[in-house]
Amino acid sequence: MPTIAPAVTTRQAPVASLSFTDDFSAFRRIYKTARASAANGGNPLESFLAAPSAAPILTTGSYGTVEPMFGIEIEFDGPDSGYLESARLAGELCARMFTEYNYRMDYHSLSHETQTWRYEDDMTVTGGEVISPILHDTPRDWDSLGQVIDIITAHGGNGSSRNAGGHIHLDTSSFGNDIRVWQRFFTIYHAFDDVITRLASNPFRNGRHRGYNYTHLSTPYTYPHDINAAAFRNMINHYSDRGSINTSSVSPVTGNGHIEFRIWDGSADMAVIQTHVKIVCAIRDAAIFNEGRHDEIMALPREDRGKHYSERRTDHEHANTNLSGEHWQDDTKSFRQFCDLLFTTRSDKEQMATLFAMTKWPRRSYHR
């Protein structure tokens, strides 16, 4: 029977220069500025887009220095002449040496390939999906991602369509089989389910999550008092059903492999994708580097997807009005706590608040 690894570290996050929990007025200023920019047709998230040369992008100001390895799936609809244009898209990806094939491959026919880009069919969208190799937080890999996005959009690929999703894969070797790290990870995810779903929305579709049922979040695992290999195996297997978070590629013995985050709306906008990847890595870092706050994190209350929207609809006084004052402050409380737990720099928190301002609370819960 394998031993359960000790805690990765007890190092704590540096003191943040901005607290949204304590300083509501700071959050309000950022939110209103972003809303005004979006209302005028701008993309306020672009101001946070880091050029490839600025890498590392995901680790700056984070809890620790564990290098993230991640992968991206970009689903998209194509133009009316979808078949012809997809052939041209595949040809350009091949000509520029991103893929080995000059045609769109069958769905998951190259799932074993992790070192090159792939362009495959996907039954949910007309354009298909482009799947990245294992990416690192380096100038070269961010530049490659940007070039691929440009190729997709140049050939009419629309990542903002209703059917498109954007899956993010995250390496779990830094988790190992430390059950307490995994407990914190799943607890954070469940505690901020409604917040994460809102941030997962594509702000350029209508700011509201597409809400497909397959993006449900599994029922939270009931953590046993005993911390042993059997408990760890059961916890990993509990989340291996291809829900919003999917652990089917994680070893229930060693913890190595990768988590698939399936909740994100599709997008072919680099600023949106970069922000979504940053959220995924921040959840990972908060789980790894907060051993000293384990009990506090485990005590976080769960906030189901659709909670804010449902409460607003049942509150007839505020059902069709913009919230203000204490009502708005209370409505944004969990998001502000989310930012303060996961991010340690002012810029990162401003970036999250900007995306929050461009999106809306999901309409209802999508649990099975």
Protein backbone atom coordinates (compact mmCIF):
# COMPACT_ATOMS: atom_id res chain seq x y z
CA MET A 1 0.00 0.00 0.00
CA PRO A 2 1.50 3.36 -0.93
CA THR A 3 2.19 5.91 1.72
CA ILE A 4 0.37 9.21 1.65
CA ALA A 5 2.84 11.97 0.90
CA PRO A 6 3.48 14.64 3.53
CA ALA A 7 2.32 18.20 2.96
CA VAL A 8 4.14 19.88 0.09
CA THR A 9 4.98 22.97 2.10
CA THR A 10 3.74 25.13 4.94
CA ARG A 11 4.86 28.33 3.28
CA GLN A 12 2.17 31.02 3.34
CA ALA A 13 1.27 33.58 0.74
CA PRO A 14 2.82 37.04 1.00
CA VAL A 15 0.65 39.80 2.37
CA ALA A 16 -1.46 41.13 -0.47
CA SER A 17 -1.33 44.82 -1.36
CA LEU A 18 -5.10 44.92 -1.88
CA SER A 19 -7.95 43.20 -0.08
CA PHE A 20 -11.30 43.13 -1.83
CA THR A 21 -12.85 41.70 1.33
CA ASP A 22 -11.79 44.69 3.41
CA ASP A 23 -11.86 47.39 0.73
CA PHE A 24 -15.16 47.15 -1.11
CA SER A 25 -14.71 50.61 -2.61
CA ALA A 26 -11.56 49.47 -4.45
CA PHE A 27 -13.45 46.56 -5.98
CA ARG A 28 -16.35 48.86 -6.89
CA ARG A 29 -14.08 51.30 -8.75
CA ILE A 30 -12.48 48.55 -10.82
CA TYR A 31 -15.85 46.94 -11.55
CA LYS A 32 -17.50 50.16 -12.71
CA THR A 33 -14.54 51.14 -14.88
CA ALA A 34 -14.60 47.76 -16.61
CA ARG A 35 -18.37 47.88 -17.10
CA ALA A 36 -18.15 51.35 -18.67
CA SER A 37 -15.40 50.22 -21.04
CA ALA A 38 -17.33 47.13 -22.14
CA ALA A 39 -20.52 49.18 -22.61
CA ASN A 40 -18.61 51.41 -25.03
CA GLY A 41 -17.53 48.42 -27.10
CA GLY A 42 -14.09 48.00 -25.57
CA ASN A 43 -12.37 44.92 -24.18
CA PRO A 44 -11.10 46.00 -20.76
CA LEU A 45 -9.50 42.58 -20.26
CA GLU A 46 -6.95 43.37 -22.97
CA SER A 47 -5.08 45.70 -20.62
CA PHE A 48 -4.10 42.62 -18.59
CA LEU A 49 -2.99 40.55 -21.58
CA ALA A 50 0.66 39.69 -21.07
CA ALA A 51 2.85 39.44 -24.16
CA PRO A 52 4.68 36.13 -24.59
CA SER A 53 7.95 37.88 -23.83
CA ALA A 54 6.60 38.68 -20.35
CA ALA A 55 6.52 34.99 -19.37
CA PRO A 56 6.37 33.52 -16.83
CA ILE A 57 2.83 34.88 -16.74
CA LEU A 58 1.10 32.45 -14.37
CA THR A 59 3.61 32.27 -11.54
CA THR A 60 4.47 35.91 -10.96
CA GLY A 61 3.27 36.96 -7.51
CA SER A 62 1.75 33.55 -6.81
CA TYR A 63 2.04 31.53 -3.63
CA GLY A 64 5.00 29.51 -4.76
CA THR A 65 7.30 28.69 -7.65
CA VAL A 66 5.98 25.30 -8.83
CA GLU A 67 6.06 25.54 -12.61
CA PRO A 68 2.65 24.91 -14.16
CA MET A 69 2.23 22.52 -17.06
CA PHE A 70 -1.10 22.79 -18.82
CA GLY A 71 -3.00 22.07 -22.02
CA ILE A 72 -5.78 23.83 -23.90
CA GLU A 73 -8.69 22.56 -26.01
CA ILE A 74 -10.25 25.22 -28.24
CA GLU A 75 -13.63 24.24 -29.69
CA PHE A 76 -15.12 26.46 -32.37
CA ASP A 77 -17.81 26.74 -35.02
CA GLY A 78 -16.76 27.43 -38.58
CA PRO A 79 -18.18 29.55 -41.40
CA ASP A 80 -20.94 28.33 -43.74
CA SER A 81 -18.39 26.66 -46.01
CA GLY A 82 -17.16 24.77 -42.97
CA TYR A 83 -15.67 21.71 -44.67
CA LEU A 84 -13.68 23.65 -47.25
CA GLU A 85 -12.46 26.20 -44.72
CA SER A 86 -11.50 23.52 -42.19
CA ALA A 87 -9.32 21.93 -44.86
CA ARG A 88 -7.58 25.26 -45.39
CA LEU A 89 -7.19 25.69 -41.64
CA ALA A 90 -5.69 22.21 -41.31
CA GLY A 91 -3.39 22.95 -44.22
CA GLU A 92 -2.05 26.11 -42.65
CA LEU A 93 -1.53 24.44 -39.26
CA CYS A 94 0.46 21.74 -41.06
CA ALA A 95 2.38 24.17 -43.28
CA ARG A 96 3.43 26.17 -40.23
CA MET A 97 4.51 22.91 -38.55
CA PHE A 98 2.01 22.93 -35.70
CA THR A 99 0.48 19.63 -36.85
CA GLU A 100 1.68 16.67 -38.90
CA TYR A 101 -1.57 16.28 -40.85
CA ASN A 102 -3.09 18.64 -43.43
CA TYR A 103 -6.66 17.52 -42.73
CA ARG A 104 -8.99 17.42 -39.73
CA MET A 105 -8.51 14.18 -37.82
CA ASP A 106 -11.23 12.00 -36.33
CA TYR A 107 -12.31 12.79 -32.78
CA HIS A 108 -9.61 11.79 -30.27
CA SER A 109 -7.80 9.69 -32.87
CA LEU A 110 -4.52 11.16 -31.61
CA SER A 111 -5.32 11.27 -27.90
CA HIS A 112 -2.00 9.59 -27.14
CA GLU A 113 -0.09 12.49 -28.71
CA THR A 114 0.92 15.14 -26.16
CA GLN A 115 3.89 16.80 -27.86
CA THR A 116 2.27 18.38 -30.93
CA TRP A 117 -0.86 20.34 -31.74
CA ARG A 118 -3.86 18.39 -33.08
CA TYR A 119 -6.87 19.44 -35.12
CA GLU A 120 -9.81 17.06 -34.67
CA ASP A 121 -13.53 16.66 -35.25
CA ASP A 122 -15.92 17.46 -32.42
CA MET A 123 -19.58 16.58 -32.77
CA THR A 124 -20.73 19.57 -30.68
CA VAL A 125 -19.33 22.23 -33.04
CA THR A 126 -19.04 22.65 -36.81
CA GLY A 127 -15.42 23.80 -36.90
CA GLY A 128 -13.90 21.12 -34.70
CA GLU A 129 -11.35 21.59 -31.95
CA VAL A 130 -7.65 22.34 -31.77
CA ILE A 131 -5.82 20.65 -28.90
CA SER A 132 -2.48 21.88 -27.64
CA PRO A 133 0.51 19.81 -26.62
CA ILE A 134 1.72 20.09 -23.04
CA LEU A 135 2.40 23.79 -22.56
CA HIS A 136 4.72 25.60 -20.15
CA ASP A 137 4.64 29.16 -18.86
CA THR A 138 7.31 30.24 -21.35
CA PRO A 139 7.53 32.86 -24.13
CA ARG A 140 7.79 30.13 -26.77
CA ASP A 141 4.61 28.32 -25.71
CA TRP A 142 2.53 31.48 -25.26
CA ASP A 143 3.68 32.64 -28.69
CA SER A 144 2.66 29.29 -30.20
CA LEU A 145 -0.77 29.52 -28.59
CA GLY A 146 -1.22 33.04 -29.95
CA GLN A 147 -0.26 31.96 -33.46
CA VAL A 148 -2.70 29.03 -33.40
CA ILE A 149 -5.52 31.29 -32.21
CA ASP A 150 -4.74 33.70 -35.06
CA ILE A 151 -4.91 30.83 -37.58
CA ILE A 152 -8.27 29.66 -36.21
CA THR A 153 -9.84 33.12 -36.35
CA ALA A 154 -8.33 33.91 -39.77
CA HIS A 155 -10.22 30.92 -41.16
CA GLY A 156 -13.53 31.93 -39.61
CA GLY A 157 -13.31 29.94 -36.41
CA ASN A 158 -15.73 31.34 -33.83
CA GLY A 159 -14.89 30.31 -30.27
CA SER A 160 -17.74 32.38 -28.89
CA SER A 161 -20.53 30.23 -30.32
CA ARG A 162 -23.09 28.78 -27.92
CA ASN A 163 -21.89 25.21 -28.37
CA ALA A 164 -18.17 25.81 -27.97
CA GLY A 165 -16.31 24.87 -24.82
CA GLY A 166 -12.74 25.45 -23.75
CA HIS A 167 -11.21 22.69 -21.66
CA ILE A 168 -8.04 23.28 -19.62
CA HIS A 169 -5.79 20.45 -18.46
CA LEU A 170 -3.49 20.96 -15.47
CA ASP A 171 -0.58 18.76 -14.42
CA THR A 172 -0.98 17.30 -10.90
CA SER A 173 2.55 16.08 -10.21
CA SER A 174 2.94 18.92 -7.69
CA PHE A 175 -0.05 17.50 -5.77
CA GLY A 176 1.27 13.98 -5.57
CA ASN A 177 -0.86 11.81 -3.31
CA ASP A 178 -0.99 14.32 -0.46
CA ILE A 179 -4.64 13.87 0.44
CA ARG A 180 -4.80 17.15 2.37
CA VAL A 181 -3.73 19.13 -0.70
CA TRP A 182 -6.42 17.40 -2.75
CA GLN A 183 -8.99 18.04 -0.03
CA ARG A 184 -8.21 21.76 -0.12
CA PHE A 185 -8.39 21.77 -3.92
CA PHE A 186 -11.85 20.20 -4.09
CA THR A 187 -13.14 22.25 -1.17
CA ILE A 188 -12.07 25.53 -2.81
CA TYR A 189 -13.73 24.46 -6.04
CA HIS A 190 -17.02 23.58 -4.36
CA ALA A 191 -16.97 26.63 -2.08
CA PHE A 192 -16.77 28.97 -5.09
CA ASP A 193 -18.77 26.95 -7.61
CA ASP A 194 -21.03 29.86 -8.52
CA VAL A 195 -18.11 32.29 -8.79
CA ILE A 196 -16.02 29.97 -10.97
CA THR A 197 -18.97 29.28 -13.28
CA ARG A 198 -19.50 33.00 -13.74
CA LEU A 199 -15.83 33.59 -14.51
CA ALA A 200 -15.92 30.61 -16.90
CA SER A 201 -18.43 32.45 -19.08
CA ASN A 202 -17.35 33.88 -22.41
CA PRO A 203 -17.85 37.65 -21.88
CA PHE A 204 -18.30 38.21 -25.62
CA ARG A 205 -21.15 35.76 -26.13
CA ASN A 206 -23.56 37.27 -23.66
CA GLY A 207 -21.60 37.07 -20.44
CA ARG A 208 -23.75 34.16 -19.26
CA HIS A 209 -22.43 30.61 -18.99
CA ARG A 210 -23.71 28.35 -21.75
CA GLY A 211 -25.00 25.93 -19.10
CA TYR A 212 -24.70 22.54 -20.73
CA ASN A 213 -25.63 19.72 -18.39
CA TYR A 214 -22.35 17.89 -18.91
CA THR A 215 -20.61 20.73 -17.10
CA HIS A 216 -22.20 19.63 -13.83
CA LEU A 217 -19.99 19.51 -10.77
CA SER A 218 -19.85 16.17 -9.00
CA THR A 219 -21.43 15.86 -5.59
CA PRO A 220 -18.76 16.83 -3.03
CA TYR A 221 -16.77 13.96 -1.65
CA THR A 222 -17.36 13.24 2.04
CA TYR A 223 -13.92 13.24 3.57
CA PRO A 224 -13.29 10.41 6.05
CA HIS A 225 -11.46 10.98 9.30
CA ASP A 226 -8.78 8.46 8.36
CA ILE A 227 -6.17 9.69 5.90
CA ASN A 228 -4.99 6.59 4.07
CA ALA A 229 -4.43 5.20 0.59
CA ALA A 230 -7.97 3.84 0.32
CA ALA A 231 -9.48 7.23 1.18
CA PHE A 232 -7.25 8.91 -1.39
CA ARG A 233 -8.19 6.40 -4.09
CA ASN A 234 -11.90 6.81 -3.40
CA MET A 235 -11.65 10.61 -3.52
CA ILE A 236 -9.86 10.66 -6.89
CA ASN A 237 -12.25 8.10 -8.37
CA HIS A 238 -15.24 10.13 -7.14
CA TYR A 239 -14.34 12.95 -9.56
CA SER A 240 -13.51 10.77 -12.58
CA ASP A 241 -16.92 11.06 -14.28
CA ARG A 242 -16.05 13.83 -16.79
CA GLY A 243 -17.93 16.50 -14.90
CA SER A 244 -16.82 20.10 -14.49
CA ILE A 245 -13.61 18.77 -13.02
CA ASN A 246 -12.46 15.41 -14.31
CA THR A 247 -9.80 13.26 -12.61
CA SER A 248 -10.01 10.25 -14.93
CA SER A 249 -6.39 10.94 -15.99
CA VAL A 250 -5.10 11.15 -12.39
CA SER A 251 -3.52 8.08 -10.79
CA PRO A 252 -5.54 7.12 -7.68
CA VAL A 253 -2.29 5.76 -6.23
CA THR A 254 0.36 8.40 -6.91
CA GLY A 255 -1.78 11.44 -7.76
CA ASN A 256 0.26 12.02 -10.92
CA GLY A 257 -1.45 12.89 -14.18
CA HIS A 258 -3.69 15.83 -14.98
CA ILE A 259 -7.04 17.32 -14.04
CA GLU A 260 -9.36 18.39 -16.84
CA PHE A 261 -11.36 21.54 -16.13
CA ARG A 262 -14.38 21.25 -18.44
CA ILE A 263 -16.39 24.21 -17.19
CA TRP A 264 -14.98 26.98 -19.39
CA ASP A 265 -16.92 28.47 -22.27
CA GLY A 266 -15.14 28.40 -25.60
CA SER A 267 -13.08 31.41 -26.57
CA ALA A 268 -10.59 32.40 -29.23
CA ASP A 269 -9.58 35.53 -27.32
CA MET A 270 -6.11 35.32 -25.80
CA ALA A 271 -6.94 37.65 -22.90
CA VAL A 272 -9.87 35.44 -21.87
CA ILE A 273 -7.89 32.20 -22.23
CA GLN A 274 -4.94 33.60 -20.30
CA THR A 275 -7.25 34.71 -17.49
CA HIS A 276 -8.95 31.30 -17.32
CA VAL A 277 -5.61 29.49 -17.18
CA LYS A 278 -4.48 31.87 -14.44
CA ILE A 279 -7.58 30.94 -12.38
CA VAL A 280 -6.85 27.22 -12.76
CA CYS A 281 -3.25 27.68 -11.64
CA ALA A 282 -4.30 29.90 -8.73
CA ILE A 283 -6.67 27.22 -7.41
CA ARG A 284 -3.81 24.74 -7.63
CA ASP A 285 -1.39 27.05 -5.81
CA ALA A 286 -3.89 27.90 -3.08
CA ALA A 287 -4.36 24.18 -2.43
CA ILE A 288 -0.64 23.40 -2.38
CA PHE A 289 0.70 26.29 -0.33
CA ASN A 290 -1.92 26.66 2.39
CA GLU A 291 -1.25 23.75 4.71
CA GLY A 292 -1.23 26.20 7.61
CA ARG A 293 -4.81 27.25 6.74
CA HIS A 294 -6.12 23.75 6.14
CA ASP A 295 -8.88 23.84 8.76
CA GLU A 296 -9.97 27.31 7.66
CA ILE A 297 -10.24 26.24 4.02
CA MET A 298 -12.03 23.01 4.86
CA ALA A 299 -14.62 25.05 6.77
CA LEU A 300 -15.51 27.19 3.75
CA PRO A 301 -19.26 26.97 3.08
CA ARG A 302 -20.35 25.55 -0.24
CA GLU A 303 -21.96 27.93 -2.72
CA ASP A 304 -23.88 26.00 -5.37
CA ARG A 305 -23.94 27.04 -8.98
CA GLY A 306 -26.92 29.29 -9.62
CA LYS A 307 -27.21 30.46 -6.01
CA HIS A 308 -26.89 34.18 -6.70
CA TYR A 309 -29.24 34.19 -9.66
CA SER A 310 -31.84 32.11 -7.82
CA GLU A 311 -31.75 34.31 -4.75
CA ARG A 312 -32.13 37.39 -6.92
CA ARG A 313 -35.16 35.91 -8.70
CA THR A 314 -36.88 35.01 -5.43
CA ASP A 315 -36.23 38.45 -3.96
CA HIS A 316 -39.06 40.32 -5.69
CA GLU A 317 -37.80 43.68 -4.46
CA HIS A 318 -34.53 43.30 -6.39
CA ALA A 319 -35.48 40.83 -9.14
CA ASN A 320 -35.43 43.37 -11.95
CA THR A 321 -33.27 46.16 -10.56
CA ASN A 322 -29.56 46.79 -10.28
CA LEU A 323 -28.32 46.08 -6.79
CA SER A 324 -26.69 48.84 -4.80
CA GLY A 325 -25.38 49.54 -1.35
CA GLU A 326 -25.38 46.65 1.12
CA HIS A 327 -27.31 44.40 -1.27
CA TRP A 328 -24.62 44.66 -3.96
CA GLN A 329 -21.85 44.36 -1.39
CA ASP A 330 -23.40 41.14 -0.12
CA ASP A 331 -23.97 39.84 -3.66
CA THR A 332 -20.25 40.20 -4.50
CA LYS A 333 -18.90 38.97 -1.17
CA SER A 334 -18.01 35.44 -2.27
CA PHE A 335 -16.24 36.71 -5.38
CA ARG A 336 -14.17 39.13 -3.33
CA GLN A 337 -13.27 36.34 -0.88
CA PHE A 338 -12.34 34.15 -3.84
CA CYS A 339 -9.91 36.81 -5.09
CA ASP A 340 -8.32 37.33 -1.69
CA LEU A 341 -7.81 33.59 -1.15
CA LEU A 342 -6.37 32.82 -4.57
CA PHE A 343 -4.46 35.93 -5.67
CA THR A 344 -1.74 37.92 -3.99
CA THR A 345 -1.09 40.82 -6.36
CA ARG A 346 -3.15 43.89 -7.09
CA SER A 347 -2.90 43.34 -10.84
CA ASP A 348 -4.24 39.78 -10.66
CA LYS A 349 -7.17 40.87 -8.51
CA GLU A 350 -7.96 43.73 -10.85
CA GLN A 351 -7.85 41.29 -13.77
CA MET A 352 -10.34 38.97 -12.05
CA ALA A 353 -12.63 41.86 -11.11
CA THR A 354 -12.59 43.01 -14.74
CA LEU A 355 -13.68 39.59 -16.00
CA PHE A 356 -16.30 39.47 -13.24
CA ALA A 357 -17.69 42.81 -14.43
CA MET A 358 -17.96 41.50 -18.00
CA THR A 359 -19.95 38.40 -17.03
CA LYS A 360 -23.19 37.49 -15.23
CA TRP A 361 -24.21 35.03 -12.56
CA PRO A 362 -25.21 31.65 -14.07
CA ARG A 363 -28.96 31.19 -14.28
CA ARG A 364 -29.37 27.93 -12.39
CA SER A 365 -27.61 24.90 -10.98
CA TYR A 366 -26.51 22.25 -13.44
CA HIS A 367 -25.95 19.41 -11.00
CA ARG A 368 -27.19 15.98 -11.97
